[in-house]
N, C-alpha and C. Protein backbone atom coordinates (compact mmCIF):
# COMPACT_ATOMS: atom_id res chain seq x y z
N UNK A 1 -26.69 -119.01 85.39
CA UNK A 1 -25.59 -118.85 84.40
C UNK A 1 -25.55 -117.07 84.66
N UNK A 2 -24.60 -116.48 85.27
CA UNK A 2 -24.48 -114.80 85.20
C UNK A 2 -24.47 -114.53 83.89
N UNK A 3 -23.98 -113.35 83.92
CA UNK A 3 -24.34 -112.17 82.74
C UNK A 3 -23.46 -112.46 81.86
N UNK A 4 -22.21 -112.72 82.80
CA UNK A 4 -20.95 -112.69 82.37
C UNK A 4 -20.30 -113.95 81.79
N UNK A 5 -21.04 -114.95 81.94
CA UNK A 5 -20.89 -116.55 81.74
C UNK A 5 -21.15 -116.72 79.94
N UNK A 6 -19.57 -117.11 79.64
CA UNK A 6 -20.24 -117.67 78.32
C UNK A 6 -21.01 -118.59 78.55
N UNK A 7 -22.08 -119.19 77.04
CA UNK A 7 -22.46 -120.06 76.78
C UNK A 7 -21.00 -121.73 77.05
N UNK A 8 -21.65 -122.81 77.72
CA UNK A 8 -20.21 -124.12 77.12
C UNK A 8 -20.44 -124.29 75.87
N UNK A 9 -19.08 -124.44 75.05
CA UNK A 9 -19.38 -125.26 74.14
C UNK A 9 -20.06 -126.84 73.23
N UNK A 10 -20.36 -126.59 72.57
CA UNK A 10 -20.84 -128.45 72.72
C UNK A 10 -19.61 -129.07 71.77
N UNK A 11 -19.92 -129.63 72.05
CA UNK A 11 -18.70 -131.24 72.37
C UNK A 11 -18.67 -131.19 70.50
N UNK A 12 -19.40 -131.72 69.20
CA UNK A 12 -19.74 -131.95 68.63
C UNK A 12 -19.13 -130.74 68.07
N UNK A 13 -19.22 -128.76 67.58
CA UNK A 13 -19.15 -128.19 67.64
C UNK A 13 -17.67 -127.98 67.32
N UNK A 14 -17.00 -127.72 68.63
CA UNK A 14 -15.50 -128.06 69.00
C UNK A 14 -14.33 -128.89 68.49
N UNK A 15 -15.47 -130.29 67.99
CA UNK A 15 -14.66 -131.39 66.99
C UNK A 15 -14.92 -131.12 65.37
N UNK A 16 -15.69 -129.66 65.42
CA UNK A 16 -15.58 -129.70 63.97
C UNK A 16 -15.32 -128.39 63.07
N UNK A 17 -14.89 -127.68 64.67
CA UNK A 17 -14.00 -126.95 64.44
C UNK A 17 -12.79 -126.93 64.37
N UNK A 18 -11.94 -128.19 65.01
CA UNK A 18 -10.66 -128.86 65.06
C UNK A 18 -10.59 -129.64 63.57
N UNK A 19 -11.70 -129.78 63.47
CA UNK A 19 -11.47 -130.75 61.29
C UNK A 19 -11.74 -129.86 60.64
N UNK A 20 -11.83 -128.28 60.73
CA UNK A 20 -11.95 -127.59 59.51
C UNK A 20 -11.02 -126.50 60.12
N UNK A 21 -10.27 -126.68 61.07
CA UNK A 21 -8.87 -126.35 60.44
C UNK A 21 -7.81 -127.47 60.43
N UNK A 22 -7.68 -128.11 60.10
CA UNK A 22 -7.07 -129.29 60.31
C UNK A 22 -7.30 -129.79 57.77
N UNK A 23 -8.16 -129.28 58.29
CA UNK A 23 -8.35 -129.39 56.51
C UNK A 23 -7.91 -127.94 56.37
N UNK A 24 -8.24 -127.00 56.33
CA UNK A 24 -7.62 -125.74 56.04
C UNK A 24 -6.13 -125.59 55.67
N UNK A 25 -5.41 -126.47 56.76
CA UNK A 25 -3.98 -126.62 56.46
C UNK A 25 -3.92 -127.27 56.44
N UNK A 26 -4.03 -128.46 55.93
CA UNK A 26 -3.50 -129.58 54.77
C UNK A 26 -3.94 -129.59 53.74
N UNK A 27 -4.68 -128.26 52.95
CA UNK A 27 -5.14 -128.24 51.72
C UNK A 27 -4.20 -127.07 51.20
N UNK A 28 -3.51 -126.40 52.23
CA UNK A 28 -2.64 -125.14 52.09
C UNK A 28 -3.54 -124.26 51.91
N UNK A 29 -4.36 -123.79 53.02
CA UNK A 29 -5.56 -122.36 52.83
C UNK A 29 -4.78 -121.63 53.71
N UNK A 30 -3.71 -122.25 54.47
CA UNK A 30 -2.83 -121.69 55.94
C UNK A 30 -1.75 -121.70 55.69
N UNK A 31 -1.39 -120.32 56.27
CA UNK A 31 0.33 -120.17 56.14
C UNK A 31 0.34 -121.08 57.45
N UNK A 32 1.86 -121.59 57.82
CA UNK A 32 1.47 -122.25 59.01
C UNK A 32 2.26 -121.09 60.32
N UNK A 33 1.96 -119.97 60.35
CA UNK A 33 2.53 -119.16 60.77
C UNK A 33 0.41 -118.52 61.37
N UNK A 34 -0.51 -118.29 59.81
CA UNK A 34 -1.58 -118.56 60.96
C UNK A 34 -2.00 -119.73 61.39
N UNK A 35 -1.41 -120.85 60.71
CA UNK A 35 -2.35 -122.38 61.14
C UNK A 35 -2.31 -122.19 62.93
N UNK A 36 -1.32 -122.19 63.33
CA UNK A 36 -0.48 -122.00 64.45
C UNK A 36 -1.08 -120.61 65.66
N UNK A 37 -1.66 -119.46 64.91
CA UNK A 37 -2.53 -118.62 65.16
C UNK A 37 -4.19 -118.99 65.76
N UNK A 38 -4.11 -119.34 64.61
CA UNK A 38 -6.26 -120.21 64.71
C UNK A 38 -6.11 -121.06 65.48
N UNK A 39 -5.02 -122.31 65.70
CA UNK A 39 -5.10 -123.26 66.40
C UNK A 39 -4.91 -122.40 67.54
N UNK A 40 -4.09 -121.88 68.17
CA UNK A 40 -4.39 -121.63 69.22
C UNK A 40 -5.07 -120.61 70.34
N UNK A 41 -5.89 -119.95 68.86
CA UNK A 41 -6.64 -119.01 69.35
C UNK A 41 -8.37 -120.15 69.76
N UNK A 42 -8.44 -121.02 69.01
CA UNK A 42 -9.09 -122.51 69.17
C UNK A 42 -9.67 -122.52 70.61
N UNK A 43 -8.18 -122.95 70.94
CA UNK A 43 -8.16 -123.46 72.51
C UNK A 43 -8.26 -122.87 73.63
N UNK A 44 -7.77 -120.97 73.76
CA UNK A 44 -7.78 -120.23 74.13
C UNK A 44 -9.68 -120.41 74.02
N UNK A 45 -10.67 -120.64 72.67
CA UNK A 45 -11.81 -119.83 73.47
C UNK A 45 -12.29 -121.27 73.86
N UNK A 46 -12.32 -122.61 73.49
CA UNK A 46 -12.90 -123.88 74.11
C UNK A 46 -12.34 -123.27 75.92
N UNK A 47 -11.30 -123.23 76.33
CA UNK A 47 -10.85 -122.86 77.64
C UNK A 47 -11.39 -121.97 77.94
N UNK A 48 -11.83 -120.73 77.56
CA UNK A 48 -13.01 -119.98 78.11
C UNK A 48 -14.23 -120.33 78.09
N UNK A 49 -14.82 -120.77 77.62
CA UNK A 49 -16.36 -121.37 77.61
C UNK A 49 -16.54 -122.65 78.27
N UNK A 50 -15.08 -123.45 78.12
CA UNK A 50 -15.71 -124.32 78.04
C UNK A 50 -16.27 -125.28 76.92
N UNK A 51 -16.13 -126.09 76.98
CA UNK A 51 -16.88 -127.65 76.08
C UNK A 51 -17.78 -128.79 77.40
N UNK A 52 -19.12 -128.29 76.75
CA UNK A 52 -20.27 -129.10 77.85
C UNK A 52 -19.97 -130.17 77.54
N UNK A 53 -20.65 -130.86 78.95
CA UNK A 53 -20.67 -132.61 78.95
C UNK A 53 -19.68 -132.86 79.38
N UNK A 54 -19.44 -134.40 79.84
CA UNK A 54 -18.82 -134.77 80.38
C UNK A 54 -17.22 -134.83 79.51
N UNK A 55 -16.76 -135.48 80.22
CA UNK A 55 -15.05 -136.26 79.35
C UNK A 55 -15.02 -137.14 78.60
N UNK A 56 -16.17 -138.03 78.94
CA UNK A 56 -16.01 -139.45 77.65
C UNK A 56 -17.07 -138.58 76.70
N UNK A 57 -18.37 -137.82 77.29
CA UNK A 57 -19.31 -137.30 75.97
C UNK A 57 -17.95 -136.54 75.02
N UNK A 58 -17.42 -135.71 75.28
CA UNK A 58 -16.18 -134.88 74.79
C UNK A 58 -15.35 -135.25 74.18
N UNK A 59 -14.80 -136.65 74.82
CA UNK A 59 -13.82 -137.77 73.93
C UNK A 59 -14.86 -138.74 72.79
N UNK A 60 -16.03 -138.91 72.51
CA UNK A 60 -16.80 -139.49 71.92
C UNK A 60 -17.17 -138.97 70.90
N UNK A 61 -17.29 -137.27 71.05
CA UNK A 61 -17.22 -136.67 69.74
C UNK A 61 -15.94 -136.08 68.95
N UNK A 62 -14.44 -136.15 69.88
CA UNK A 62 -13.24 -135.62 69.11
C UNK A 62 -12.77 -137.16 68.86
N UNK A 63 -13.29 -138.11 69.84
CA UNK A 63 -12.49 -139.08 69.17
C UNK A 63 -12.15 -139.78 67.28
N UNK A 64 -13.39 -139.83 66.60
CA UNK A 64 -13.90 -140.15 65.35
C UNK A 64 -12.52 -139.08 64.80
N UNK A 65 -12.12 -137.96 65.05
CA UNK A 65 -11.58 -137.14 64.12
C UNK A 65 -9.58 -138.30 64.21
N UNK A 66 -9.74 -138.80 65.51
CA UNK A 66 -8.34 -139.06 65.04
C UNK A 66 -8.27 -141.12 64.26
N UNK A 67 -9.34 -141.35 64.82
CA UNK A 67 -9.33 -142.76 64.21
C UNK A 67 -10.07 -142.68 62.61
N UNK A 68 -10.33 -141.35 62.19
CA UNK A 68 -10.74 -141.47 60.62
C UNK A 68 -9.47 -140.74 59.83
N UNK A 69 -8.29 -139.95 60.85
CA UNK A 69 -7.14 -139.39 60.32
C UNK A 69 -7.76 -137.78 59.30
N UNK A 70 -8.72 -137.24 60.20
CA UNK A 70 -9.03 -135.90 59.62
C UNK A 70 -8.11 -135.01 60.67
N UNK A 71 -7.37 -135.94 61.91
CA UNK A 71 -6.36 -135.13 62.14
C UNK A 71 -4.99 -135.33 62.40
N UNK A 72 -4.05 -134.61 62.15
CA UNK A 72 -2.49 -135.74 62.33
C UNK A 72 -2.49 -136.18 63.94
N UNK A 73 -1.52 -136.95 63.57
CA UNK A 73 -1.64 -137.38 65.61
C UNK A 73 -1.03 -136.17 66.33
N UNK A 74 -0.29 -135.37 65.86
CA UNK A 74 0.40 -133.90 66.53
C UNK A 74 -0.25 -133.46 66.82
N UNK A 75 -1.49 -133.30 66.23
CA UNK A 75 -2.91 -132.02 66.72
C UNK A 75 -3.50 -132.37 67.84
N UNK A 76 -4.20 -134.18 67.38
CA UNK A 76 -4.59 -134.45 68.38
C UNK A 76 -3.90 -134.81 69.57
N UNK A 77 -2.59 -135.41 69.86
CA UNK A 77 -2.07 -134.47 71.16
C UNK A 77 -1.77 -133.68 71.71
N UNK A 78 -1.82 -132.69 70.58
CA UNK A 78 -2.13 -131.12 71.02
C UNK A 78 -3.47 -130.61 71.82
N UNK A 79 -3.88 -130.92 71.00
CA UNK A 79 -5.95 -130.56 70.99
C UNK A 79 -6.21 -131.11 72.57
N UNK A 80 -5.78 -132.00 72.56
CA UNK A 80 -6.70 -133.18 73.83
C UNK A 80 -5.68 -132.70 75.19
N UNK A 81 -3.89 -132.79 75.11
CA UNK A 81 -3.69 -131.70 75.97
C UNK A 81 -3.80 -130.89 76.50
N UNK A 82 -3.63 -130.39 75.54
CA UNK A 82 -4.01 -128.34 76.01
C UNK A 82 -5.94 -128.44 76.45
N UNK A 83 -6.52 -129.15 76.22
CA UNK A 83 -7.22 -128.82 76.53
C UNK A 83 -8.14 -129.87 78.59
N UNK A 84 -6.60 -130.45 78.56
CA UNK A 84 -7.06 -130.90 79.52
C UNK A 84 -7.84 -132.29 79.43
N UNK A 85 -8.29 -133.28 78.49
CA UNK A 85 -8.56 -134.10 78.34
C UNK A 85 -7.97 -135.94 78.93
N UNK A 86 -6.50 -135.45 78.81
CA UNK A 86 -5.35 -136.76 78.99
C UNK A 86 -5.42 -137.23 80.47
């Protein structure tokens, strides 16, 4: 890996970041504009660094968030589509 390349993010870390962001917004800890900013920044970081693993491995880490209802359907759709996972 070249010095200027960023280390890929573990799929479980990506899932944890989405879970924390959604929980903070649902708890009222983030205003809508702050939530939007953080969501967009998270997506951009994950695009820049990439998520380690295959599509199947990444989806296996993310899928429990949708099944458990830890994220809203809109968050789920936005997250996976903006990362090109669908």
